Amino acid sequence: NLVGPATLDHIWDRHIVDSLQLLELAP
């Protein structure tokens, strides 16, 4: 039970892509 169960169907948008956008803010 590592993340909220409701977010499992949206792992890419809610977690992965959401995280990736930070990389561009500190190149």
PDB file of all heavy atoms in Angstrom:
ATOM      1  N   ASN A   1       0.826  -1.209   0.000  1.00  0.00           N
ATOM      2  CA  ASN A   1       0.000   0.000   0.000  1.00  0.00           C
ATOM      3  C   ASN A   1       0.863   1.264   0.000  1.00  0.00           C
ATOM      4  O   ASN A   1       0.839   2.068   0.929  1.00  0.00           O
ATOM      5  CB  ASN A   1      -0.946   0.013   1.203  1.00  0.00           C
ATOM      6  CG  ASN A   1      -2.004   1.094   1.086  1.00  0.00           C
ATOM      7  OD1 ASN A   1      -2.437   1.442  -0.010  1.00  0.00           O
ATOM      8  ND2 ASN A   1      -2.409   1.646   2.214  1.00  0.00           N
ATOM      9  N   LEU A   2       1.627   1.442  -1.078  1.00  0.00           N
ATOM     10  CA  LEU A   2       2.594   2.530  -1.155  1.00  0.00           C
ATOM     11  C   LEU A   2       1.996   3.871  -1.573  1.00  0.00           C
ATOM     12  O   LEU A   2       2.506   4.927  -1.206  1.00  0.00           O
ATOM     13  CB  LEU A   2       3.711   2.156  -2.145  1.00  0.00           C
ATOM     14  CG  LEU A   2       4.521   0.896  -1.778  1.00  0.00           C
ATOM     15  CD1 LEU A   2       5.479   0.561  -2.894  1.00  0.00           C
ATOM     16  CD2 LEU A   2       5.257   1.100  -0.461  1.00  0.00           C
ATOM     17  N   VAL A   3       0.929   3.838  -2.382  1.00  0.00           N
ATOM     18  CA  VAL A   3       0.280   5.078  -2.834  1.00  0.00           C
ATOM     19  C   VAL A   3      -1.223   4.947  -2.621  1.00  0.00           C
ATOM     20  O   VAL A   3      -1.730   3.857  -2.362  1.00  0.00           O
ATOM     21  CB  VAL A   3       0.577   5.357  -4.329  1.00  0.00           C
ATOM     22  CG1 VAL A   3       2.060   5.562  -4.561  1.00  0.00           C
ATOM     23  CG2 VAL A   3       0.045   4.226  -5.218  1.00  0.00           C
ATOM     24  N   GLY A   4      -1.928   6.055  -2.739  1.00  0.00           N
ATOM     25  CA  GLY A   4      -3.376   6.012  -2.607  1.00  0.00           C
ATOM     26  C   GLY A   4      -3.979   5.108  -3.670  1.00  0.00           C
ATOM     27  O   GLY A   4      -3.708   5.300  -4.860  1.00  0.00           O
ATOM     28  N   PRO A   5      -4.777   4.118  -3.291  1.00  0.00           N
ATOM     29  CA  PRO A   5      -5.345   3.174  -4.266  1.00  0.00           C
ATOM     30  C   PRO A   5      -6.083   3.847  -5.414  1.00  0.00           C
ATOM     31  O   PRO A   5      -6.061   3.364  -6.550  1.00  0.00           O
ATOM     32  CB  PRO A   5      -6.301   2.336  -3.403  1.00  0.00           C
ATOM     33  CG  PRO A   5      -5.743   2.421  -2.029  1.00  0.00           C
ATOM     34  CD  PRO A   5      -5.163   3.804  -1.904  1.00  0.00           C
ATOM     35  N   ALA A   6      -6.715   4.974  -5.143  1.00  0.00           N
ATOM     36  CA  ALA A   6      -7.480   5.660  -6.184  1.00  0.00           C
ATOM     37  C   ALA A   6      -6.598   6.219  -7.296  1.00  0.00           C
ATOM     38  O   ALA A   6      -7.091   6.538  -8.381  1.00  0.00           O
ATOM     39  CB  ALA A   6      -8.303   6.786  -5.558  1.00  0.00           C
ATOM     40  N   THR A   7      -5.284   6.338  -7.024  1.00  0.00           N
ATOM     41  CA  THR A   7      -4.383   6.914  -8.028  1.00  0.00           C
ATOM     42  C   THR A   7      -3.759   5.859  -8.936  1.00  0.00           C
ATOM     43  O   THR A   7      -3.070   6.194  -9.889  1.00  0.00           O
ATOM     44  CB  THR A   7      -3.244   7.720  -7.369  1.00  0.00           C
ATOM     45  OG1 THR A   7      -2.343   6.817  -6.689  1.00  0.00           O
ATOM     46  CG2 THR A   7      -3.790   8.721  -6.376  1.00  0.00           C
ATOM     47  N   LEU A   8      -3.992   4.579  -8.660  1.00  0.00           N
ATOM     48  CA  LEU A   8      -3.337   3.516  -9.421  1.00  0.00           C
ATOM     49  C   LEU A   8      -3.701   3.530 -10.899  1.00  0.00           C
ATOM     50  O   LEU A   8      -2.888   3.191 -11.758  1.00  0.00           O
ATOM     51  CB  LEU A   8      -3.678   2.143  -8.830  1.00  0.00           C
ATOM     52  CG  LEU A   8      -2.764   1.609  -7.734  1.00  0.00           C
ATOM     53  CD1 LEU A   8      -3.186   0.211  -7.346  1.00  0.00           C
ATOM     54  CD2 LEU A   8      -1.299   1.636  -8.148  1.00  0.00           C
ATOM     55  N   ASP A   9      -4.934   3.908 -11.208  1.00  0.00           N
ATOM     56  CA  ASP A   9      -5.353   3.944 -12.607  1.00  0.00           C
ATOM     57  C   ASP A   9      -4.821   5.168 -13.338  1.00  0.00           C
ATOM     58  O   ASP A   9      -5.044   5.313 -14.543  1.00  0.00           O
ATOM     59  CB  ASP A   9      -6.887   3.925 -12.700  1.00  0.00           C
ATOM     60  CG  ASP A   9      -7.466   2.578 -12.295  1.00  0.00           C
ATOM     61  OD1 ASP A   9      -6.736   1.567 -12.394  1.00  0.00           O
ATOM     62  OD2 ASP A   9      -8.634   2.544 -11.868  1.00  0.00           O
ATOM     63  N   HIS A  10      -4.155   6.044 -12.608  1.00  0.00           N
ATOM     64  CA  HIS A  10      -3.620   7.268 -13.225  1.00  0.00           C
ATOM     65  C   HIS A  10      -2.160   7.468 -12.824  1.00  0.00           C
ATOM     66  O   HIS A  10      -1.732   8.597 -12.586  1.00  0.00           O
ATOM     67  CB  HIS A  10      -4.450   8.474 -12.781  1.00  0.00           C
ATOM     68  CG  HIS A  10      -5.926   8.295 -12.994  1.00  0.00           C
ATOM     69  ND1 HIS A  10      -6.520   8.448 -14.234  1.00  0.00           N
ATOM     70  CD2 HIS A  10      -6.922   7.954 -12.129  1.00  0.00           C
ATOM     71  CE1 HIS A  10      -7.822   8.213 -14.114  1.00  0.00           C
ATOM     72  NE2 HIS A  10      -8.084   7.916 -12.861  1.00  0.00           N
ATOM     73  N   ILE A  11      -1.404   6.375 -12.761  1.00  0.00           N
ATOM     74  CA  ILE A  11      -0.022   6.453 -12.297  1.00  0.00           C
ATOM     75  C   ILE A  11       0.799   7.423 -13.129  1.00  0.00           C
ATOM     76  O   ILE A  11       1.579   8.223 -12.593  1.00  0.00           O
ATOM     77  CB  ILE A  11       0.632   5.058 -12.311  1.00  0.00           C
ATOM     78  CG1 ILE A  11       0.068   4.201 -11.178  1.00  0.00           C
ATOM     79  CG2 ILE A  11       2.157   5.166 -12.172  1.00  0.00           C
ATOM     80  CD1 ILE A  11       0.571   2.771 -11.175  1.00  0.00           C
ATOM     81  N   TRP A  12       0.611   7.398 -14.443  1.00  0.00           N
ATOM     82  CA  TRP A  12       1.460   8.248 -15.293  1.00  0.00           C
ATOM     83  C   TRP A  12       1.171   9.721 -15.101  1.00  0.00           C
ATOM     84  O   TRP A  12       2.085  10.515 -14.890  1.00  0.00           O
ATOM     85  CB  TRP A  12       1.329   7.829 -16.758  1.00  0.00           C
ATOM     86  CG  TRP A  12       2.148   6.599 -16.991  1.00  0.00           C
ATOM     87  CD1 TRP A  12       1.765   5.298 -16.793  1.00  0.00           C
ATOM     88  CD2 TRP A  12       3.518   6.558 -17.375  1.00  0.00           C
ATOM     89  NE1 TRP A  12       2.821   4.455 -17.043  1.00  0.00           N
ATOM     90  CE2 TRP A  12       3.904   5.194 -17.402  1.00  0.00           C
ATOM     91  CE3 TRP A  12       4.463   7.527 -17.702  1.00  0.00           C
ATOM     92  CZ2 TRP A  12       5.200   4.784 -17.743  1.00  0.00           C
ATOM     93  CZ3 TRP A  12       5.752   7.119 -18.046  1.00  0.00           C
ATOM     94  CH2 TRP A  12       6.109   5.765 -18.053  1.00  0.00           C
ATOM     95  N   ASP A  13      -0.098  10.110 -15.150  1.00  0.00           N
ATOM     96  CA  ASP A  13      -0.421  11.535 -14.994  1.00  0.00           C
ATOM     97  C   ASP A  13      -0.234  12.003 -13.558  1.00  0.00           C
ATOM     98  O   ASP A  13       0.384  13.035 -13.305  1.00  0.00           O
ATOM     99  CB  ASP A  13      -1.859  11.807 -15.439  1.00  0.00           C
ATOM    100  CG  ASP A  13      -2.004  11.762 -16.944  1.00  0.00           C
ATOM    101  OD1 ASP A  13      -0.988  11.948 -17.639  1.00  0.00           O
ATOM    102  OD2 ASP A  13      -3.120  11.527 -17.422  1.00  0.00           O
ATOM    103  N   ARG A  14      -0.757  11.232 -12.601  1.00  0.00           N
ATOM    104  CA  ARG A  14      -0.768  11.662 -11.207  1.00  0.00           C
ATOM    105  C   ARG A  14       0.606  11.599 -10.554  1.00  0.00           C
ATOM    106  O   ARG A  14       0.901  12.356  -9.637  1.00  0.00           O
ATOM    107  CB  ARG A  14      -1.757  10.799 -10.404  1.00  0.00           C
ATOM    108  CG  ARG A  14      -3.203  11.076 -10.708  1.00  0.00           C
ATOM    109  CD  ARG A  14      -3.664  12.395 -10.111  1.00  0.00           C
ATOM    110  NE  ARG A  14      -3.570  12.417  -8.663  1.00  0.00           N
ATOM    111  CZ  ARG A  14      -4.489  11.939  -7.844  1.00  0.00           C
ATOM    112  NH1 ARG A  14      -5.579  11.365  -8.332  1.00  0.00           N
ATOM    113  NH2 ARG A  14      -4.334  12.032  -6.538  1.00  0.00           N
ATOM    114  N   HIS A  15       1.435  10.677 -11.011  1.00  0.00           N
ATOM    115  CA  HIS A  15       2.707  10.467 -10.332  1.00  0.00           C
ATOM    116  C   HIS A  15       3.931  10.688 -11.220  1.00  0.00           C
ATOM    117  O   HIS A  15       4.808  11.480 -10.879  1.00  0.00           O
ATOM    118  CB  HIS A  15       2.743   9.058  -9.739  1.00  0.00           C
ATOM    119  CG  HIS A  15       1.733   8.814  -8.668  1.00  0.00           C
ATOM    120  ND1 HIS A  15       1.639   9.617  -7.544  1.00  0.00           N
ATOM    121  CD2 HIS A  15       0.764   7.883  -8.538  1.00  0.00           C
ATOM    122  CE1 HIS A  15       0.653   9.187  -6.765  1.00  0.00           C
ATOM    123  NE2 HIS A  15       0.106   8.136  -7.347  1.00  0.00           N
ATOM    124  N   ILE A  16       4.004  10.007 -12.348  1.00  0.00           N
ATOM    125  CA  ILE A  16       5.230  10.041 -13.143  1.00  0.00           C
ATOM    126  C   ILE A  16       5.385  11.353 -13.908  1.00  0.00           C
ATOM    127  O   ILE A  16       6.396  12.055 -13.764  1.00  0.00           O
ATOM    128  CB  ILE A  16       5.298   8.826 -14.082  1.00  0.00           C
ATOM    129  CG1 ILE A  16       5.385   7.536 -13.243  1.00  0.00           C
ATOM    130  CG2 ILE A  16       6.510   8.940 -15.020  1.00  0.00           C
ATOM    131  CD1 ILE A  16       5.385   6.255 -14.042  1.00  0.00           C
ATOM    132  N   VAL A  17       4.403  11.710 -14.732  1.00  0.00           N
ATOM    133  CA  VAL A  17       4.498  12.964 -15.490  1.00  0.00           C
ATOM    134  C   VAL A  17       4.487  14.161 -14.548  1.00  0.00           C
ATOM    135  O   VAL A  17       5.204  15.145 -14.754  1.00  0.00           O
ATOM    136  CB  VAL A  17       3.352  13.075 -16.523  1.00  0.00           C
ATOM    137  CG1 VAL A  17       3.421  14.406 -17.255  1.00  0.00           C
ATOM    138  CG2 VAL A  17       3.422  11.919 -17.515  1.00  0.00           C
ATOM    139  N   ASP A  18       3.702  14.071 -13.489  1.00  0.00           N
ATOM    140  CA  ASP A  18       3.652  15.138 -12.488  1.00  0.00           C
ATOM    141  C   ASP A  18       5.032  15.367 -11.873  1.00  0.00           C
ATOM    142  O   ASP A  18       5.419  16.503 -11.602  1.00  0.00           O
ATOM    143  CB  ASP A  18       2.643  14.772 -11.400  1.00  0.00           C
ATOM    144  CG  ASP A  18       2.358  15.939 -10.471  1.00  0.00           C
ATOM    145  OD1 ASP A  18       1.865  16.968 -10.952  1.00  0.00           O
ATOM    146  OD2 ASP A  18       2.642  15.825  -9.270  1.00  0.00           O
ATOM    147  N   SER A  19       5.776  14.285 -11.665  1.00  0.00           N
ATOM    148  CA  SER A  19       7.131  14.392 -11.115  1.00  0.00           C
ATOM    149  C   SER A  19       8.114  14.916 -12.155  1.00  0.00           C
ATOM    150  O   SER A  19       8.972  15.754 -11.851  1.00  0.00           O
ATOM    151  CB  SER A  19       7.595  13.017 -10.616  1.00  0.00           C
ATOM    152  OG  SER A  19       6.780  12.539  -9.574  1.00  0.00           O
ATOM    153  N   LEU A  20       8.007  14.420 -13.378  1.00  0.00           N
ATOM    154  CA  LEU A  20       8.956  14.789 -14.431  1.00  0.00           C
ATOM    155  C   LEU A  20       9.005  16.286 -14.693  1.00  0.00           C
ATOM    156  O   LEU A  20      10.061  16.826 -15.030  1.00  0.00           O
ATOM    157  CB  LEU A  20       8.593  14.070 -15.732  1.00  0.00           C
ATOM    158  CG  LEU A  20       9.087  12.640 -15.914  1.00  0.00           C
ATOM    159  CD1 LEU A  20       8.512  12.050 -17.196  1.00  0.00           C
ATOM    160  CD2 LEU A  20      10.609  12.596 -15.955  1.00  0.00           C
ATOM    161  N   GLN A  21       7.876  16.967 -14.544  1.00  0.00           N
ATOM    162  CA  GLN A  21       7.849  18.385 -14.879  1.00  0.00           C
ATOM    163  C   GLN A  21       8.784  19.220 -14.003  1.00  0.00           C
ATOM    164  O   GLN A  21       9.229  20.292 -14.399  1.00  0.00           O
ATOM    165  CB  GLN A  21       6.428  18.938 -14.812  1.00  0.00           C
ATOM    166  CG  GLN A  21       5.791  18.892 -13.442  1.00  0.00           C
ATOM    167  CD  GLN A  21       4.364  19.399 -13.458  1.00  0.00           C
ATOM    168  OE1 GLN A  21       3.997  20.283 -14.241  1.00  0.00           O
ATOM    169  NE2 GLN A  21       3.529  18.843 -12.584  1.00  0.00           N
ATOM    170  N   LEU A  22       9.132  18.704 -12.830  1.00  0.00           N
ATOM    171  CA  LEU A  22      10.033  19.450 -11.954  1.00  0.00           C
ATOM    172  C   LEU A  22      11.441  19.514 -12.536  1.00  0.00           C
ATOM    173  O   LEU A  22      12.179  20.476 -12.284  1.00  0.00           O
ATOM    174  CB  LEU A  22      10.087  18.812 -10.567  1.00  0.00           C
ATOM    175  CG  LEU A  22       8.790  18.770  -9.759  1.00  0.00           C
ATOM    176  CD1 LEU A  22       9.079  18.256  -8.353  1.00  0.00           C
ATOM    177  CD2 LEU A  22       8.132  20.135  -9.699  1.00  0.00           C
ATOM    178  N   LEU A  23      11.807  18.507 -13.303  1.00  0.00           N
ATOM    179  CA  LEU A  23      13.153  18.441 -13.854  1.00  0.00           C
ATOM    180  C   LEU A  23      13.440  19.651 -14.749  1.00  0.00           C
ATOM    181  O   LEU A  23      14.548  20.188 -14.764  1.00  0.00           O
ATOM    182  CB  LEU A  23      13.318  17.148 -14.654  1.00  0.00           C
ATOM    183  CG  LEU A  23      14.736  16.635 -14.889  1.00  0.00           C
ATOM    184  CD1 LEU A  23      15.456  16.385 -13.578  1.00  0.00           C
ATOM    185  CD2 LEU A  23      14.683  15.360 -15.727  1.00  0.00           C
ATOM    186  N   GLU A  24      12.428  20.103 -15.470  1.00  0.00           N
ATOM    187  CA  GLU A  24      12.590  21.224 -16.384  1.00  0.00           C
ATOM    188  C   GLU A  24      12.734  22.558 -15.657  1.00  0.00           C
ATOM    189  O   GLU A  24      13.182  23.542 -16.249  1.00  0.00           O
ATOM    190  CB  GLU A  24      11.389  21.287 -17.341  1.00  0.00           C
ATOM    191  CG  GLU A  24      11.180  20.018 -18.144  1.00  0.00           C
ATOM    192  CD  GLU A  24       9.875  20.038 -18.911  1.00  0.00           C
ATOM    193  OE1 GLU A  24       9.244  21.118 -18.978  1.00  0.00           O
ATOM    194  OE2 GLU A  24       9.468  18.991 -19.426  1.00  0.00           O
ATOM    195  N   LEU A  25      12.359  22.587 -14.394  1.00  0.00           N
ATOM    196  CA  LEU A  25      12.391  23.839 -13.637  1.00  0.00           C
ATOM    197  C   LEU A  25      13.745  24.106 -13.001  1.00  0.00           C
ATOM    198  O   LEU A  25      13.968  25.172 -12.442  1.00  0.00           O
ATOM    199  CB  LEU A  25      11.300  23.820 -12.558  1.00  0.00           C
ATOM    200  CG  LEU A  25       9.868  23.623 -13.074  1.00  0.00           C
ATOM    201  CD1 LEU A  25       8.884  23.634 -11.915  1.00  0.00           C
ATOM    202  CD2 LEU A  25       9.507  24.691 -14.106  1.00  0.00           C
ATOM    203  N   ALA A  26      14.631  23.128 -13.067  1.00  0.00           N
ATOM    204  CA  ALA A  26      15.988  23.293 -12.527  1.00  0.00           C
ATOM    205  C   ALA A  26      16.965  22.544 -13.433  1.00  0.00           C
ATOM    206  O   ALA A  26      17.589  21.562 -13.026  1.00  0.00           O
ATOM    207  CB  ALA A  26      16.062  22.773 -11.100  1.00  0.00           C
ATOM    208  N   PRO A  27      17.107  23.000 -14.674  1.00  0.00           N
ATOM    209  CA  PRO A  27      17.902  22.250 -15.666  1.00  0.00           C
ATOM    210  C   PRO A  27      19.379  22.141 -15.342  1.00  0.00           C
ATOM    211  O   PRO A  27      20.052  21.243 -15.846  1.00  0.00           O
ATOM    212  CB  PRO A  27      17.674  23.036 -16.963  1.00  0.00           C
ATOM    213  CG  PRO A  27      17.288  24.416 -16.513  1.00  0.00           C
ATOM    214  CD  PRO A  27      16.510  24.222 -15.255  1.00  0.00           C
TER     215      PRO A  27
END
